[in-house]
Amino acid sequence: QVQLVESGGGLVQAGGSLRLSCAASGIIFSLDDMYWYRQAPGKQRELVAEITSGGSTNYADTVKGRFTISRINAKNTVYLQMNSLTPEDTAVYYCAAQLPTFPQRYWGQGTQVTVSS
């Protein structure tokens, strides 16, 4: 059974930082591409950052230079370091995993990030 469990969300003031974690089980983590998405109230879910099994990264333009995605395969965990947070970053953040050659994408339950002005 695949499980992705996010943690690290919370309330932070604008300009602050948070680090999200996503612990995976039930997958061969080192082979999976990993993703962070977010969904703000009334908006569609959007891709924030991705890291391939090989370690290549990609970011949404809105977070480039502020957010960093990383992974530690030995811990089956992917991270999202978020700096210089703004109220526009307020959303539920979701972790996702997918093998590059498979259509199935697995999702976590999400963690709330709220940035106050």
N, C-alpha and C. Protein backbone atom coordinates (compact mmCIF):
# COMPACT_ATOMS: atom_id res chain seq x y z
N GLN A 1 0.84 -1.20 0.00
CA GLN A 1 0.00 0.00 0.00
C GLN A 1 0.88 1.24 0.00
N VAL A 2 0.62 2.11 -0.96
CA VAL A 2 1.40 3.32 -1.07
C VAL A 2 0.89 4.37 -0.09
N GLN A 3 1.82 4.97 0.63
CA GLN A 3 1.47 6.07 1.53
C GLN A 3 2.47 7.19 1.36
N LEU A 4 1.94 8.39 1.24
CA LEU A 4 2.75 9.60 1.22
C LEU A 4 2.22 10.49 2.34
N VAL A 5 3.07 10.81 3.29
CA VAL A 5 2.63 11.56 4.47
C VAL A 5 3.41 12.86 4.56
N GLU A 6 2.69 13.96 4.36
CA GLU A 6 3.31 15.28 4.44
C GLU A 6 3.31 15.79 5.87
N SER A 7 4.28 16.61 6.18
CA SER A 7 4.34 17.27 7.48
C SER A 7 5.12 18.57 7.33
N GLY A 8 5.04 19.41 8.36
CA GLY A 8 5.81 20.64 8.37
C GLY A 8 5.03 21.89 8.05
N GLY A 9 3.77 21.74 7.69
CA GLY A 9 2.97 22.92 7.42
C GLY A 9 2.65 23.68 8.70
N GLY A 10 2.07 24.86 8.52
CA GLY A 10 1.71 25.66 9.68
C GLY A 10 1.47 27.10 9.32
N LEU A 11 1.45 27.93 10.34
CA LEU A 11 1.23 29.37 10.19
C LEU A 11 2.56 30.09 10.34
N VAL A 12 2.85 30.96 9.39
CA VAL A 12 4.10 31.71 9.43
C VAL A 12 3.85 33.12 8.93
N GLN A 13 4.62 34.06 9.42
CA GLN A 13 4.49 35.44 8.94
C GLN A 13 5.17 35.61 7.60
N ALA A 14 4.71 36.59 6.86
CA ALA A 14 5.33 36.91 5.58
C ALA A 14 6.83 37.16 5.78
N GLY A 15 7.61 36.63 4.86
CA GLY A 15 9.06 36.73 4.96
C GLY A 15 9.70 35.55 5.67
N GLY A 16 8.88 34.73 6.29
CA GLY A 16 9.39 33.59 7.04
C GLY A 16 9.65 32.38 6.17
N SER A 17 10.01 31.29 6.84
CA SER A 17 10.37 30.06 6.15
C SER A 17 9.67 28.86 6.78
N LEU A 18 9.47 27.85 5.97
CA LEU A 18 8.98 26.55 6.43
C LEU A 18 9.67 25.48 5.60
N ARG A 19 9.79 24.31 6.19
CA ARG A 19 10.28 23.15 5.45
C ARG A 19 9.24 22.05 5.54
N LEU A 20 8.75 21.67 4.38
CA LEU A 20 7.81 20.56 4.30
C LEU A 20 8.56 19.26 4.06
N SER A 21 8.03 18.20 4.62
CA SER A 21 8.58 16.87 4.40
C SER A 21 7.48 15.95 3.89
N CYS A 22 7.88 14.97 3.12
CA CYS A 22 6.94 13.96 2.64
C CYS A 22 7.63 12.61 2.74
N ALA A 23 7.12 11.79 3.65
CA ALA A 23 7.68 10.45 3.85
C ALA A 23 6.88 9.45 3.04
N ALA A 24 7.57 8.67 2.24
CA ALA A 24 6.92 7.71 1.35
C ALA A 24 7.14 6.28 1.81
N SER A 25 6.13 5.47 1.59
CA SER A 25 6.25 4.03 1.83
C SER A 25 5.43 3.30 0.78
N GLY A 26 5.80 2.05 0.53
CA GLY A 26 5.05 1.25 -0.44
C GLY A 26 5.47 1.49 -1.87
N ILE A 27 6.51 2.29 -2.08
CA ILE A 27 7.04 2.52 -3.43
C ILE A 27 8.54 2.32 -3.40
N ILE A 28 9.11 2.12 -4.56
CA ILE A 28 10.58 2.10 -4.66
C ILE A 28 10.99 3.55 -4.85
N PHE A 29 11.18 4.22 -3.73
CA PHE A 29 11.31 5.67 -3.72
C PHE A 29 12.39 6.16 -4.68
N SER A 30 13.50 5.48 -4.71
CA SER A 30 14.62 5.98 -5.52
C SER A 30 14.31 6.00 -7.01
N LEU A 31 13.31 5.26 -7.44
CA LEU A 31 12.95 5.21 -8.85
C LEU A 31 11.87 6.22 -9.23
N ASP A 32 11.22 6.79 -8.23
CA ASP A 32 10.09 7.66 -8.48
C ASP A 32 10.50 9.12 -8.67
N ASP A 33 9.84 9.78 -9.60
CA ASP A 33 9.88 11.23 -9.64
C ASP A 33 8.94 11.74 -8.55
N MET A 34 9.36 12.80 -7.88
CA MET A 34 8.58 13.32 -6.76
C MET A 34 8.16 14.76 -7.04
N TYR A 35 6.99 15.11 -6.57
CA TYR A 35 6.40 16.41 -6.88
C TYR A 35 5.82 17.05 -5.62
N TRP A 36 5.83 18.37 -5.62
CA TRP A 36 5.05 19.17 -4.68
C TRP A 36 4.08 20.01 -5.48
N TYR A 37 2.82 19.89 -5.12
CA TYR A 37 1.75 20.72 -5.68
C TYR A 37 1.16 21.55 -4.55
N ARG A 38 0.38 22.55 -4.95
CA ARG A 38 -0.39 23.29 -3.96
C ARG A 38 -1.74 23.69 -4.54
N GLN A 39 -2.68 23.88 -3.63
CA GLN A 39 -4.01 24.32 -4.05
C GLN A 39 -4.51 25.34 -3.05
N ALA A 40 -4.70 26.56 -3.55
CA ALA A 40 -5.25 27.63 -2.74
C ALA A 40 -6.76 27.62 -2.85
N PRO A 41 -7.47 28.19 -1.88
CA PRO A 41 -8.93 28.21 -1.92
C PRO A 41 -9.45 28.83 -3.22
N GLY A 42 -10.35 28.13 -3.87
CA GLY A 42 -10.96 28.64 -5.08
C GLY A 42 -10.08 28.56 -6.31
N LYS A 43 -8.91 27.94 -6.20
CA LYS A 43 -7.99 27.85 -7.33
C LYS A 43 -7.70 26.39 -7.66
N GLN A 44 -7.19 26.19 -8.85
CA GLN A 44 -6.81 24.85 -9.27
C GLN A 44 -5.49 24.45 -8.62
N ARG A 45 -5.32 23.15 -8.51
CA ARG A 45 -4.05 22.63 -8.00
C ARG A 45 -2.95 22.95 -9.01
N GLU A 46 -1.82 23.41 -8.51
CA GLU A 46 -0.72 23.78 -9.41
C GLU A 46 0.57 23.11 -8.96
N LEU A 47 1.40 22.82 -9.94
CA LEU A 47 2.70 22.23 -9.66
C LEU A 47 3.63 23.31 -9.11
N VAL A 48 4.27 22.99 -7.99
CA VAL A 48 5.20 23.92 -7.37
C VAL A 48 6.64 23.56 -7.73
N ALA A 49 6.96 22.27 -7.57
CA ALA A 49 8.33 21.83 -7.82
C ALA A 49 8.33 20.34 -8.07
N GLU A 50 9.34 19.90 -8.81
CA GLU A 50 9.49 18.47 -9.04
C GLU A 50 10.97 18.12 -8.99
N ILE A 51 11.23 16.88 -8.62
CA ILE A 51 12.60 16.36 -8.62
C ILE A 51 12.54 14.95 -9.17
N THR A 52 13.34 14.70 -10.19
CA THR A 52 13.32 13.39 -10.81
C THR A 52 14.10 12.38 -9.97
N SER A 53 13.99 11.13 -10.38
CA SER A 53 14.75 10.09 -9.69
C SER A 53 16.25 10.35 -9.80
N GLY A 54 16.64 11.02 -10.85
CA GLY A 54 18.05 11.34 -11.05
C GLY A 54 18.51 12.61 -10.36
N GLY A 55 17.56 13.33 -9.76
CA GLY A 55 17.91 14.54 -9.02
C GLY A 55 17.73 15.84 -9.77
N SER A 56 17.25 15.80 -11.00
CA SER A 56 16.97 17.05 -11.72
C SER A 56 15.74 17.72 -11.13
N THR A 57 15.77 19.04 -11.09
CA THR A 57 14.68 19.78 -10.47
C THR A 57 14.06 20.77 -11.44
N ASN A 58 12.82 21.12 -11.14
CA ASN A 58 12.09 22.10 -11.93
C ASN A 58 11.14 22.82 -10.99
N TYR A 59 10.94 24.13 -11.22
CA TYR A 59 10.13 24.94 -10.32
C TYR A 59 9.14 25.79 -11.10
N ALA A 60 8.02 26.06 -10.47
CA ALA A 60 7.11 27.05 -11.00
C ALA A 60 7.78 28.42 -10.94
N ASP A 61 7.47 29.27 -11.90
CA ASP A 61 8.09 30.59 -11.94
C ASP A 61 7.82 31.38 -10.65
N THR A 62 6.67 31.15 -10.06
CA THR A 62 6.27 31.91 -8.88
C THR A 62 7.11 31.59 -7.64
N VAL A 63 7.83 30.47 -7.65
CA VAL A 63 8.60 30.09 -6.48
C VAL A 63 10.10 30.00 -6.74
N LYS A 64 10.50 30.18 -7.98
CA LYS A 64 11.93 30.09 -8.31
C LYS A 64 12.74 31.07 -7.48
N GLY A 65 13.83 30.57 -6.94
CA GLY A 65 14.69 31.41 -6.12
C GLY A 65 14.27 31.49 -4.67
N ARG A 66 13.08 30.98 -4.36
CA ARG A 66 12.60 31.01 -2.97
C ARG A 66 12.42 29.61 -2.39
N PHE A 67 12.01 28.67 -3.23
CA PHE A 67 11.75 27.31 -2.79
C PHE A 67 12.84 26.37 -3.33
N THR A 68 13.13 25.34 -2.54
CA THR A 68 14.09 24.33 -2.97
C THR A 68 13.53 22.95 -2.65
N ILE A 69 13.48 22.12 -3.68
CA ILE A 69 13.05 20.74 -3.50
C ILE A 69 14.30 19.86 -3.41
N SER A 70 14.24 18.87 -2.53
CA SER A 70 15.37 17.95 -2.38
C SER A 70 14.83 16.59 -1.95
N ARG A 71 15.67 15.60 -2.01
CA ARG A 71 15.25 14.26 -1.61
C ARG A 71 16.41 13.53 -0.97
N ILE A 72 16.08 12.66 -0.04
CA ILE A 72 17.06 11.75 0.55
C ILE A 72 16.50 10.35 0.36
N ASN A 73 17.06 9.65 -0.60
CA ASN A 73 16.52 8.33 -0.94
C ASN A 73 16.64 7.35 0.22
N ALA A 74 17.70 7.47 1.00
CA ALA A 74 17.89 6.56 2.12
C ALA A 74 16.80 6.72 3.18
N LYS A 75 16.14 7.88 3.16
CA LYS A 75 15.06 8.13 4.13
C LYS A 75 13.69 8.09 3.48
N ASN A 76 13.64 7.79 2.19
CA ASN A 76 12.36 7.77 1.46
C ASN A 76 11.58 9.06 1.67
N THR A 77 12.28 10.16 1.64
CA THR A 77 11.68 11.44 1.98
C THR A 77 12.06 12.52 0.96
N VAL A 78 11.09 13.32 0.63
CA VAL A 78 11.31 14.50 -0.21
C VAL A 78 10.95 15.73 0.62
N TYR A 79 11.69 16.81 0.38
CA TYR A 79 11.53 18.03 1.16
C TYR A 79 11.20 19.20 0.25
N LEU A 80 10.58 20.20 0.83
CA LEU A 80 10.39 21.47 0.15
C LEU A 80 10.74 22.57 1.14
N GLN A 81 11.89 23.18 0.92
CA GLN A 81 12.30 24.32 1.73
C GLN A 81 11.70 25.57 1.12
N MET A 82 10.94 26.29 1.91
CA MET A 82 10.24 27.47 1.41
C MET A 82 10.73 28.69 2.19
N ASN A 83 11.32 29.63 1.48
CA ASN A 83 11.84 30.85 2.08
C ASN A 83 11.10 32.06 1.51
N SER A 84 11.23 33.18 2.20
CA SER A 84 10.64 34.44 1.75
C SER A 84 9.16 34.25 1.41
N LEU A 85 8.46 33.62 2.29
CA LEU A 85 7.05 33.30 2.04
C LEU A 85 6.20 34.56 2.00
N THR A 86 5.20 34.54 1.15
CA THR A 86 4.24 35.63 1.02
C THR A 86 2.83 35.07 1.23
N PRO A 87 1.87 35.94 1.49
CA PRO A 87 0.49 35.45 1.65
C PRO A 87 -0.01 34.68 0.42
N GLU A 88 0.55 34.98 -0.74
CA GLU A 88 0.14 34.27 -1.96
C GLU A 88 0.60 32.81 -1.96
N ASP A 89 1.46 32.44 -1.04
CA ASP A 89 1.89 31.05 -0.92
C ASP A 89 0.94 30.23 -0.05
N THR A 90 -0.04 30.88 0.53
CA THR A 90 -1.01 30.16 1.36
C THR A 90 -1.78 29.15 0.53
N ALA A 91 -1.76 27.90 0.97
CA ALA A 91 -2.41 26.82 0.22
C ALA A 91 -2.25 25.52 1.00
N VAL A 92 -2.95 24.52 0.52
CA VAL A 92 -2.66 23.15 0.96
C VAL A 92 -1.60 22.60 0.01
N TYR A 93 -0.54 22.08 0.58
CA TYR A 93 0.56 21.55 -0.20
C TYR A 93 0.50 20.02 -0.20
N TYR A 94 0.61 19.48 -1.40
CA TYR A 94 0.49 18.04 -1.59
C TYR A 94 1.79 17.48 -2.18
N CYS A 95 2.15 16.33 -1.69
CA CYS A 95 3.25 15.56 -2.24
C CYS A 95 2.69 14.53 -3.20
N ALA A 96 3.42 14.24 -4.26
CA ALA A 96 3.00 13.22 -5.21
C ALA A 96 4.22 12.43 -5.68
N ALA A 97 3.95 11.20 -6.09
CA ALA A 97 5.02 10.31 -6.57
C ALA A 97 4.56 9.59 -7.80
N GLN A 98 5.47 9.40 -8.73
CA GLN A 98 5.13 8.68 -9.95
C GLN A 98 6.38 8.08 -10.56
N LEU A 99 6.27 6.81 -10.94
CA LEU A 99 7.34 6.21 -11.72
C LEU A 99 7.33 6.84 -13.11
N PRO A 100 8.48 7.14 -13.67
CA PRO A 100 8.51 7.85 -14.96
C PRO A 100 7.77 7.14 -16.08
N THR A 101 7.71 5.80 -16.04
CA THR A 101 7.11 5.07 -17.15
C THR A 101 5.68 4.61 -16.86
N PHE A 102 5.16 4.96 -15.70
CA PHE A 102 3.82 4.51 -15.32
C PHE A 102 2.86 5.69 -15.29
N PRO A 103 1.60 5.49 -15.65
CA PRO A 103 0.63 6.59 -15.61
C PRO A 103 0.10 6.90 -14.21
N GLN A 104 0.24 5.97 -13.27
CA GLN A 104 -0.32 6.15 -11.94
C GLN A 104 0.49 7.14 -11.13
N ARG A 105 -0.19 8.15 -10.59
CA ARG A 105 0.45 9.11 -9.69
C ARG A 105 -0.21 8.98 -8.33
N TYR A 106 0.60 8.87 -7.31
CA TYR A 106 0.11 8.74 -5.95
C TYR A 106 0.20 10.09 -5.24
N TRP A 107 -0.76 10.31 -4.35
CA TRP A 107 -0.87 11.61 -3.67
C TRP A 107 -0.89 11.44 -2.16
N GLY A 108 -0.34 12.43 -1.47
CA GLY A 108 -0.50 12.52 -0.04
C GLY A 108 -1.79 13.23 0.32
N GLN A 109 -2.01 13.39 1.61
CA GLN A 109 -3.27 13.97 2.08
C GLN A 109 -3.19 15.50 2.16
N GLY A 110 -1.99 16.03 2.07
CA GLY A 110 -1.83 17.48 2.07
C GLY A 110 -1.51 18.05 3.44
N THR A 111 -0.82 19.17 3.43
CA THR A 111 -0.53 19.90 4.67
C THR A 111 -0.78 21.39 4.42
N GLN A 112 -1.41 22.03 5.37
CA GLN A 112 -1.81 23.42 5.21
C GLN A 112 -0.64 24.35 5.52
N VAL A 113 -0.43 25.29 4.63
CA VAL A 113 0.54 26.37 4.85
C VAL A 113 -0.23 27.68 4.79
N THR A 114 -0.12 28.45 5.85
CA THR A 114 -0.79 29.75 5.91
C THR A 114 0.24 30.82 6.21
N VAL A 115 0.30 31.82 5.34
CA VAL A 115 1.25 32.91 5.50
C VAL A 115 0.47 34.18 5.80
N SER A 116 0.73 34.76 6.95
CA SER A 116 0.02 35.97 7.36
C SER A 116 0.82 37.21 6.95
N SER A 117 0.09 38.26 6.65
CA SER A 117 0.74 39.51 6.21
C SER A 117 1.09 40.40 7.39
